[in-house]
PDB file of N, CA and C in Angstrom:
ATOM      1  N   MET A   1       0.847  -1.189  -0.005  1.00  0.00           N
ATOM      2  CA  MET A   1      -0.008   0.018  -0.001  1.00  0.00           C
ATOM      3  C   MET A   1       0.873   1.258   0.001  1.00  0.00           C
ATOM      4  N   GLN A   2       1.950   1.216   0.770  1.00  0.00           N
ATOM      5  CA  GLN A   2       2.842   2.372   0.861  1.00  0.00           C
ATOM      6  C   GLN A   2       3.469   2.651  -0.538  1.00  0.00           C
ATOM      7  N   ASP A   3       3.825   1.575  -1.235  1.00  0.00           N
ATOM      8  CA  ASP A   3       4.442   1.765  -2.568  1.00  0.00           C
ATOM      9  C   ASP A   3       3.441   2.376  -3.534  1.00  0.00           C
ATOM     10  N   PHE A   4       2.165   1.944  -3.453  1.00  0.00           N
ATOM     11  CA  PHE A   4       1.141   2.485  -4.324  1.00  0.00           C
ATOM     12  C   PHE A   4       0.947   3.972  -4.090  1.00  0.00           C
ATOM     13  N   LEU A   5       0.847   4.374  -2.798  1.00  0.00           N
ATOM     14  CA  LEU A   5       0.722   5.762  -2.473  1.00  0.00           C
ATOM     15  C   LEU A   5       1.876   6.621  -2.944  1.00  0.00           C
ATOM     16  N   ALA A   6       3.074   6.054  -2.799  1.00  0.00           N
ATOM     17  CA  ALA A   6       4.280   6.750  -3.222  1.00  0.00           C
ATOM     18  C   ALA A   6       4.258   6.928  -4.745  1.00  0.00           C
ATOM     19  N   ASP A   7       3.797   5.905  -5.471  1.00  0.00           N
ATOM     20  CA  ASP A   7       3.719   6.027  -6.911  1.00  0.00           C
ATOM     21  C   ASP A   7       2.653   7.055  -7.345  1.00  0.00           C
ATOM     22  N   VAL A   8       1.569   7.106  -6.643  1.00  0.00           N
ATOM     23  CA  VAL A   8       0.517   8.110  -6.963  1.00  0.00           C
ATOM     24  C   VAL A   8       1.060   9.545  -6.731  1.00  0.00           C
ATOM     25  N   GLN A   9       1.763   9.730  -5.620  1.00  0.00           N
ATOM     26  CA  GLN A   9       2.346  11.048  -5.319  1.00  0.00           C
ATOM     27  C   GLN A   9       3.398  11.438  -6.360  1.00  0.00           C
ATOM     28  N   LYS A  10       4.200  10.443  -6.789  1.00  0.00           N
ATOM     29  CA  LYS A  10       5.192  10.741  -7.822  1.00  0.00           C
ATOM     30  C   LYS A  10       4.548  11.099  -9.147  1.00  0.00           C
ATOM     31  N   ALA A  11       3.532  10.383  -9.533  1.00  0.00           N
ATOM     32  CA  ALA A  11       2.810  10.658 -10.754  1.00  0.00           C
ATOM     33  C   ALA A  11       2.125  12.035 -10.684  1.00  0.00           C
ATOM     34  N   ARG A  12       1.606  12.377  -9.524  1.00  0.00           N
ATOM     35  CA  ARG A  12       0.982  13.691  -9.334  1.00  0.00           C
ATOM     36  C   ARG A  12       2.060  14.823  -9.493  1.00  0.00           C
ATOM     37  N   ARG A  13       3.233  14.609  -8.898  1.00  0.00           N
ATOM     38  CA  ARG A  13       4.277  15.631  -9.018  1.00  0.00           C
ATOM     39  C   ARG A  13       4.696  15.747 -10.482  1.00  0.00           C
ATOM     40  N   LEU A  14       4.824  14.618 -11.190  1.00  0.00           N
ATOM     41  CA  LEU A  14       5.163  14.675 -12.643  1.00  0.00           C
ATOM     42  C   LEU A  14       4.118  15.432 -13.436  1.00  0.00           C
ATOM     43  N   ALA A  15       2.835  15.196 -13.122  1.00  0.00           N
ATOM     44  CA  ALA A  15       1.786  15.882 -13.812  1.00  0.00           C
ATOM     45  C   ALA A  15       1.861  17.421 -13.593  1.00  0.00           C
ATOM     46  N   VAL A  16       2.147  17.813 -12.334  1.00  0.00           N
ATOM     47  CA  VAL A  16       2.275  19.251 -12.052  1.00  0.00           C
ATOM     48  C   VAL A  16       3.438  19.825 -12.820  1.00  0.00           C
ATOM     49  N   ILE A  17       4.550  19.100 -12.852  1.00  0.00           N
ATOM     50  CA  ILE A  17       5.715  19.601 -13.612  1.00  0.00           C
ATOM     51  C   ILE A  17       5.368  19.762 -15.054  1.00  0.00           C
ATOM     52  N   MET A  18       4.632  18.803 -15.615  1.00  0.00           N
ATOM     53  CA  MET A  18       4.281  18.865 -17.036  1.00  0.00           C
ATOM     54  C   MET A  18       3.338  20.053 -17.317  1.00  0.00           C
ATOM     55  N   PHE A  19       2.390  20.322 -16.404  1.00  0.00           N
ATOM     56  CA  PHE A  19       1.502  21.448 -16.607  1.00  0.00           C
ATOM     57  C   PHE A  19       2.284  22.761 -16.436  1.00  0.00           C
ATOM     58  N   ARG A  20       3.218  22.846 -15.502  1.00  0.00           N
ATOM     59  CA  ARG A  20       4.020  24.050 -15.375  1.00  0.00           C
ATOM     60  C   ARG A  20       4.815  24.288 -16.642  1.00  0.00           C
ATOM     61  N   THR A  21       5.403  23.253 -17.169  1.00  0.00           N
ATOM     62  CA  THR A  21       6.185  23.372 -18.403  1.00  0.00           C
ATOM     63  C   THR A  21       5.250  23.781 -19.582  1.00  0.00           C
ATOM     64  N   SER A  22       4.065  23.245 -19.608  1.00  0.00           N
ATOM     65  CA  SER A  22       3.076  23.628 -20.664  1.00  0.00           C
ATOM     66  C   SER A  22       2.784  25.117 -20.575  1.00  0.00           C
ATOM     67  N   ALA A  23       2.590  25.635 -19.386  1.00  0.00           N
ATOM     68  CA  ALA A  23       2.292  27.063 -19.217  1.00  0.00           C
ATOM     69  C   ALA A  23       3.460  27.903 -19.685  1.00  0.00           C
ATOM     70  N   GLU A  24       4.687  27.492 -19.337  1.00  0.00           N
ATOM     71  CA  GLU A  24       5.876  28.241 -19.732  1.00  0.00           C
ATOM     72  C   GLU A  24       6.060  28.238 -21.229  1.00  0.00           C
ATOM     73  N   GLU A  25       5.650  27.190 -21.898  1.00  0.00           N
ATOM     74  CA  GLU A  25       5.755  27.057 -23.381  1.00  0.00           C
ATOM     75  C   GLU A  25       4.610  27.689 -24.109  1.00  0.00           C
ATOM     76  N   GLY A  26       3.608  28.193 -23.379  1.00  0.00           N
ATOM     77  CA  GLY A  26       2.464  28.852 -23.985  1.00  0.00           C
ATOM     78  C   GLY A  26       1.457  27.918 -24.639  1.00  0.00           C
ATOM     79  N   LEU A  27       1.391  26.675 -24.136  1.00  0.00           N
ATOM     80  CA  LEU A  27       0.431  25.711 -24.730  1.00  0.00           C
ATOM     81  C   LEU A  27      -0.992  26.041 -24.258  1.00  0.00           C
ATOM     82  N   ARG A  28      -1.913  25.513 -24.993  1.00  0.00           N
ATOM     83  CA  ARG A  28      -3.346  25.642 -24.638  1.00  0.00           C
ATOM     84  C   ARG A  28      -3.733  24.500 -23.714  1.00  0.00           C
ATOM     85  N   VAL A  29      -4.812  24.603 -23.044  1.00  0.00           N
ATOM     86  CA  VAL A  29      -5.247  23.624 -22.056  1.00  0.00           C
ATOM     87  C   VAL A  29      -5.318  22.206 -22.645  1.00  0.00           C
ATOM     88  N   GLY A  30      -5.959  22.085 -23.830  1.00  0.00           N
ATOM     89  CA  GLY A  30      -6.093  20.776 -24.447  1.00  0.00           C
ATOM     90  C   GLY A  30      -4.746  20.173 -24.802  1.00  0.00           C
ATOM     91  N   GLU A  31      -3.840  21.008 -25.301  1.00  0.00           N
ATOM     92  CA  GLU A  31      -2.481  20.538 -25.607  1.00  0.00           C
ATOM     93  C   GLU A  31      -1.741  20.060 -24.379  1.00  0.00           C
ATOM     94  N   ALA A  32      -1.900  20.774 -23.272  1.00  0.00           N
ATOM     95  CA  ALA A  32      -1.217  20.420 -22.031  1.00  0.00           C
ATOM     96  C   ALA A  32      -1.783  19.105 -21.503  1.00  0.00           C
ATOM     97  N   ILE A  33      -3.067  18.878 -21.617  1.00  0.00           N
ATOM     98  CA  ILE A  33      -3.703  17.645 -21.131  1.00  0.00           C
ATOM     99  C   ILE A  33      -3.184  16.469 -21.950  1.00  0.00           C
ATOM    100  N   ILE A  34      -3.138  16.623 -23.244  1.00  0.00           N
ATOM    101  CA  ILE A  34      -2.679  15.530 -24.110  1.00  0.00           C
ATOM    102  C   ILE A  34      -1.215  15.190 -23.807  1.00  0.00           C
ATOM    103  N   MET A  35      -0.371  16.233 -23.735  1.00  0.00           N
ATOM    104  CA  MET A  35       1.033  16.051 -23.467  1.00  0.00           C
ATOM    105  C   MET A  35       1.237  15.332 -22.086  1.00  0.00           C
ATOM    106  N   THR A  36       0.478  15.745 -21.071  1.00  0.00           N
ATOM    107  CA  THR A  36       0.649  15.171 -19.748  1.00  0.00           C
ATOM    108  C   THR A  36       0.196  13.749 -19.734  1.00  0.00           C
ATOM    109  N   ARG A  37      -0.892  13.418 -20.404  1.00  0.00           N
ATOM    110  CA  ARG A  37      -1.356  12.018 -20.472  1.00  0.00           C
ATOM    111  C   ARG A  37      -0.310  11.128 -21.124  1.00  0.00           C
ATOM    112  N   ARG A  38       0.218  11.599 -22.249  1.00  0.00           N
ATOM    113  CA  ARG A  38       1.168  10.792 -22.997  1.00  0.00           C
ATOM    114  C   ARG A  38       2.492  10.617 -22.163  1.00  0.00           C
ATOM    115  N   TYR A  39       2.901  11.683 -21.496  1.00  0.00           N
ATOM    116  CA  TYR A  39       4.094  11.562 -20.683  1.00  0.00           C
ATOM    117  C   TYR A  39       3.950  10.557 -19.551  1.00  0.00           C
ATOM    118  N   LEU A  40       2.809  10.643 -18.828  1.00  0.00           N
ATOM    119  CA  LEU A  40       2.578   9.678 -17.744  1.00  0.00           C
ATOM    120  C   LEU A  40       2.543   8.255 -18.242  1.00  0.00           C
ATOM    121  N   GLU A  41       1.884   8.047 -19.394  1.00  0.00           N
ATOM    122  CA  GLU A  41       1.862   6.711 -20.007  1.00  0.00           C
ATOM    123  C   GLU A  41       3.252   6.234 -20.370  1.00  0.00           C
ATOM    124  N   HIS A  42       4.023   7.125 -20.940  1.00  0.00           N
ATOM    125  CA  HIS A  42       5.427   6.837 -21.300  1.00  0.00           C
ATOM    126  C   HIS A  42       6.243   6.446 -20.064  1.00  0.00           C
ATOM    127  N   MET A  43       5.983   7.068 -18.937  1.00  0.00           N
ATOM    128  CA  MET A  43       6.729   6.755 -17.705  1.00  0.00           C
ATOM    129  C   MET A  43       6.186   5.534 -17.014  1.00  0.00           C
ATOM    130  N   GLY A  44       5.127   4.916 -17.560  1.00  0.00           N
ATOM    131  CA  GLY A  44       4.601   3.691 -16.983  1.00  0.00           C
ATOM    132  C   GLY A  44       3.454   3.847 -15.998  1.00  0.00           C
ATOM    133  N   TYR A  45       2.894   5.075 -15.937  1.00  0.00           N
ATOM    134  CA  TYR A  45       1.771   5.330 -15.061  1.00  0.00           C
ATOM    135  C   TYR A  45       0.501   5.290 -15.861  1.00  0.00           C
ATOM    136  N   PRO A  46      -0.612   4.806 -15.306  1.00  0.00           N
ATOM    137  CA  PRO A  46      -1.878   4.900 -16.072  1.00  0.00           C
ATOM    138  C   PRO A  46      -2.265   6.400 -16.153  1.00  0.00           C
ATOM    139  N   ALA A  47      -2.667   6.808 -17.339  1.00  0.00           N
ATOM    140  CA  ALA A  47      -3.058   8.185 -17.515  1.00  0.00           C
ATOM    141  C   ALA A  47      -4.447   8.445 -16.960  1.00  0.00           C
ATOM    142  N   PRO A  48      -4.570   9.436 -16.064  1.00  0.00           N
ATOM    143  CA  PRO A  48      -5.875   9.729 -15.502  1.00  0.00           C
ATOM    144  C   PRO A  48      -6.819  10.304 -16.533  1.00  0.00           C
ATOM    145  N   ASP A  49      -8.148  10.105 -16.345  1.00  0.00           N
ATOM    146  CA  ASP A  49      -9.127  10.653 -17.274  1.00  0.00           C
ATOM    147  C   ASP A  49      -9.068  12.174 -17.279  1.00  0.00           C
ATOM    148  N   ASP A  50      -8.875  12.772 -16.139  1.00  0.00           N
ATOM    149  CA  ASP A  50      -8.779  14.238 -16.027  1.00  0.00           C
ATOM    150  C   ASP A  50      -7.470  14.610 -15.332  1.00  0.00           C
ATOM    151  N   PRO A  51      -6.377  14.760 -16.119  1.00  0.00           N
ATOM    152  CA  PRO A  51      -5.099  15.045 -15.530  1.00  0.00           C
ATOM    153  C   PRO A  51      -5.079  16.340 -14.693  1.00  0.00           C
ATOM    154  N   LEU A  52      -5.898  17.312 -15.043  1.00  0.00           N
ATOM    155  CA  LEU A  52      -5.955  18.548 -14.243  1.00  0.00           C
ATOM    156  C   LEU A  52      -6.479  18.248 -12.875  1.00  0.00           C
ATOM    157  N   ALA A  53      -7.536  17.506 -12.748  1.00  0.00           N
ATOM    158  CA  ALA A  53      -8.106  17.148 -11.451  1.00  0.00           C
ATOM    159  C   ALA A  53      -7.118  16.280 -10.681  1.00  0.00           C
ATOM    160  N   PHE A  54      -6.431  15.399 -11.366  1.00  0.00           N
ATOM    161  CA  PHE A  54      -5.454  14.532 -10.688  1.00  0.00           C
ATOM    162  C   PHE A  54      -4.299  15.391 -10.118  1.00  0.00           C
ATOM    163  N   ALA A  55      -3.815  16.315 -10.922  1.00  0.00           N
ATOM    164  CA  ALA A  55      -2.649  17.140 -10.499  1.00  0.00           C
ATOM    165  C   ALA A  55      -2.990  18.114  -9.370  1.00  0.00           C
ATOM    166  N   THR A  56      -4.264  18.534  -9.341  1.00  0.00           N
ATOM    167  CA  THR A  56      -4.641  19.580  -8.347  1.00  0.00           C
ATOM    168  C   THR A  56      -5.531  19.001  -7.236  1.00  0.00           C
ATOM    169  N   ASN A  57      -5.580  17.683  -7.110  1.00  0.00           N
ATOM    170  CA  ASN A  57      -6.480  17.053  -6.111  1.00  0.00           C
ATOM    171  C   ASN A  57      -7.937  17.527  -6.228  1.00  0.00           C
ATOM    172  N   GLY A  58      -8.381  17.775  -7.435  1.00  0.00           N
ATOM    173  CA  GLY A  58      -9.744  18.079  -7.680  1.00  0.00           C
ATOM    174  C   GLY A  58     -10.112  19.575  -7.659  1.00  0.00           C
ATOM    175  N   ARG A  59      -9.132  20.437  -7.350  1.00  0.00           N
ATOM    176  CA  ARG A  59      -9.413  21.867  -7.295  1.00  0.00           C
ATOM    177  C   ARG A  59      -9.720  22.459  -8.669  1.00  0.00           C
ATOM    178  N   VAL A  60      -9.071  21.962  -9.710  1.00  0.00           N
ATOM    179  CA  VAL A  60      -9.280  22.425 -11.090  1.00  0.00           C
ATOM    180  C   VAL A  60      -9.566  21.203 -11.930  1.00  0.00           C
ATOM    181  N   THR A  61     -10.543  21.270 -12.783  1.00  0.00           N
ATOM    182  CA  THR A  61     -10.844  20.155 -13.685  1.00  0.00           C
ATOM    183  C   THR A  61     -10.809  20.605 -15.126  1.00  0.00           C
ATOM    184  N   MET A  62     -10.918  19.721 -16.044  1.00  0.00           N
ATOM    185  CA  MET A  62     -10.906  20.051 -17.464  1.00  0.00           C
ATOM    186  C   MET A  62     -12.130  20.860 -17.820  1.00  0.00           C
ATOM    187  N   HIS A  63     -13.153  20.804 -17.042  1.00  0.00           N
ATOM    188  CA  HIS A  63     -14.406  21.522 -17.322  1.00  0.00           C
ATOM    189  C   HIS A  63     -14.305  22.987 -16.847  1.00  0.00           C
ATOM    190  N   ASP A  64     -13.265  23.336 -16.093  1.00  0.00           N
ATOM    191  CA  ASP A  64     -13.125  24.685 -15.594  1.00  0.00           C
ATOM    192  C   ASP A  64     -12.635  25.699 -16.632  1.00  0.00           C
ATOM    193  N   ALA A  65     -12.008  25.176 -17.690  1.00  0.00           N
ATOM    194  CA  ALA A  65     -11.490  26.071 -18.737  1.00  0.00           C
ATOM    195  C   ALA A  65     -11.728  25.431 -20.102  1.00  0.00           C
ATOM    196  N   PRO A  66     -12.097  26.201 -21.082  1.00  0.00           N
ATOM    197  CA  PRO A  66     -12.215  25.677 -22.443  1.00  0.00           C
ATOM    198  C   PRO A  66     -10.859  25.113 -22.886  1.00  0.00           C
ATOM    199  N   LEU A  67     -10.925  23.998 -23.578  1.00  0.00           N
ATOM    200  CA  LEU A  67      -9.699  23.302 -23.987  1.00  0.00           C
ATOM    201  C   LEU A  67      -8.810  24.179 -24.914  1.00  0.00           C
ATOM    202  N   GLY A  68      -9.418  25.137 -25.567  1.00  0.00           N
ATOM    203  CA  GLY A  68      -8.616  25.987 -26.485  1.00  0.00           C
ATOM    204  C   GLY A  68      -8.071  27.226 -25.795  1.00  0.00           C
ATOM    205  N   SER A  69      -8.345  27.427 -24.512  1.00  0.00           N
ATOM    206  CA  SER A  69      -7.878  28.624 -23.838  1.00  0.00           C
ATOM    207  C   SER A  69      -6.408  28.487 -23.465  1.00  0.00           C
ATOM    208  N   GLN A  70      -5.808  29.621 -23.201  1.00  0.00           N
ATOM    209  CA  GLN A  70      -4.387  29.671 -22.806  1.00  0.00           C
ATOM    210  C   GLN A  70      -4.247  29.010 -21.402  1.00  0.00           C
ATOM    211  N   PHE A  71      -3.215  28.187 -21.306  1.00  0.00           N
ATOM    212  CA  PHE A  71      -2.938  27.532 -20.016  1.00  0.00           C
ATOM    213  C   PHE A  71      -2.105  28.451 -19.159  1.00  0.00           C
ATOM    214  N   TYR A  72      -2.467  28.542 -17.873  1.00  0.00           N
ATOM    215  CA  TYR A  72      -1.672  29.403 -16.946  1.00  0.00           C
ATOM    216  C   TYR A  72      -1.378  28.681 -15.681  1.00  0.00           C
ATOM    217  N   CYS A  73      -0.182  28.829 -15.221  1.00  0.00           N
ATOM    218  CA  CYS A  73       0.292  28.192 -14.007  1.00  0.00           C
ATOM    219  C   CYS A  73       1.091  29.259 -13.242  1.00  0.00           C
ATOM    220  N   LYS A  74       0.751  29.485 -11.955  1.00  0.00           N
ATOM    221  CA  LYS A  74       1.524  30.461 -11.157  1.00  0.00           C
ATOM    222  C   LYS A  74       2.933  29.938 -10.941  1.00  0.00           C
ATOM    223  N   PRO A  75       3.901  30.826 -10.627  1.00  0.00           N
ATOM    224  CA  PRO A  75       5.275  30.416 -10.422  1.00  0.00           C
ATOM    225  C   PRO A  75       5.415  29.361  -9.296  1.00  0.00           C
ATOM    226  N   ASN A  76       4.491  29.363  -8.326  1.00  0.00           N
ATOM    227  CA  ASN A  76       4.543  28.368  -7.276  1.00  0.00           C
ATOM    228  C   ASN A  76       3.996  27.020  -7.687  1.00  0.00           C
ATOM    229  N   GLY A  77       3.559  26.900  -8.924  1.00  0.00           N
ATOM    230  CA  GLY A  77       3.011  25.639  -9.432  1.00  0.00           C
ATOM    231  C   GLY A  77       1.516  25.520  -9.371  1.00  0.00           C
ATOM    232  N   GLU A  78       0.831  26.514  -8.778  1.00  0.00           N
ATOM    233  CA  GLU A  78      -0.616  26.463  -8.714  1.00  0.00           C
ATOM    234  C   GLU A  78      -1.206  26.635 -10.099  1.00  0.00           C
ATOM    235  N   ILE A  79      -2.095  25.712 -10.461  1.00  0.00           N
ATOM    236  CA  ILE A  79      -2.693  25.745 -11.784  1.00  0.00           C
ATOM    237  C   ILE A  79      -3.961  26.540 -11.766  1.00  0.00           C
ATOM    238  N   LEU A  80      -4.082  27.450 -12.731  1.00  0.00           N
ATOM    239  CA  LEU A  80      -5.288  28.291 -12.842  1.00  0.00           C
ATOM    240  C   LEU A  80      -6.042  27.990 -14.109  1.00  0.00           C
TER     241      LEU A  80
END
């Protein structure tokens, strides 16, 4: 159980890093979601249905922003 929780936390940190990178690169929300899903799958983690909700513990979901809108992430990593 401890290993599973550690893997979930690591995958969540990777997702946050990917979203932060997406914001820095000026990607749109839909592009950031696709890139994050593919990266997690490449790293051997199952890709969550809603990577935004996964990365933010449910604070932000894919339904909070149109997929074509500009992606924004605060310098502290908080996803808006």
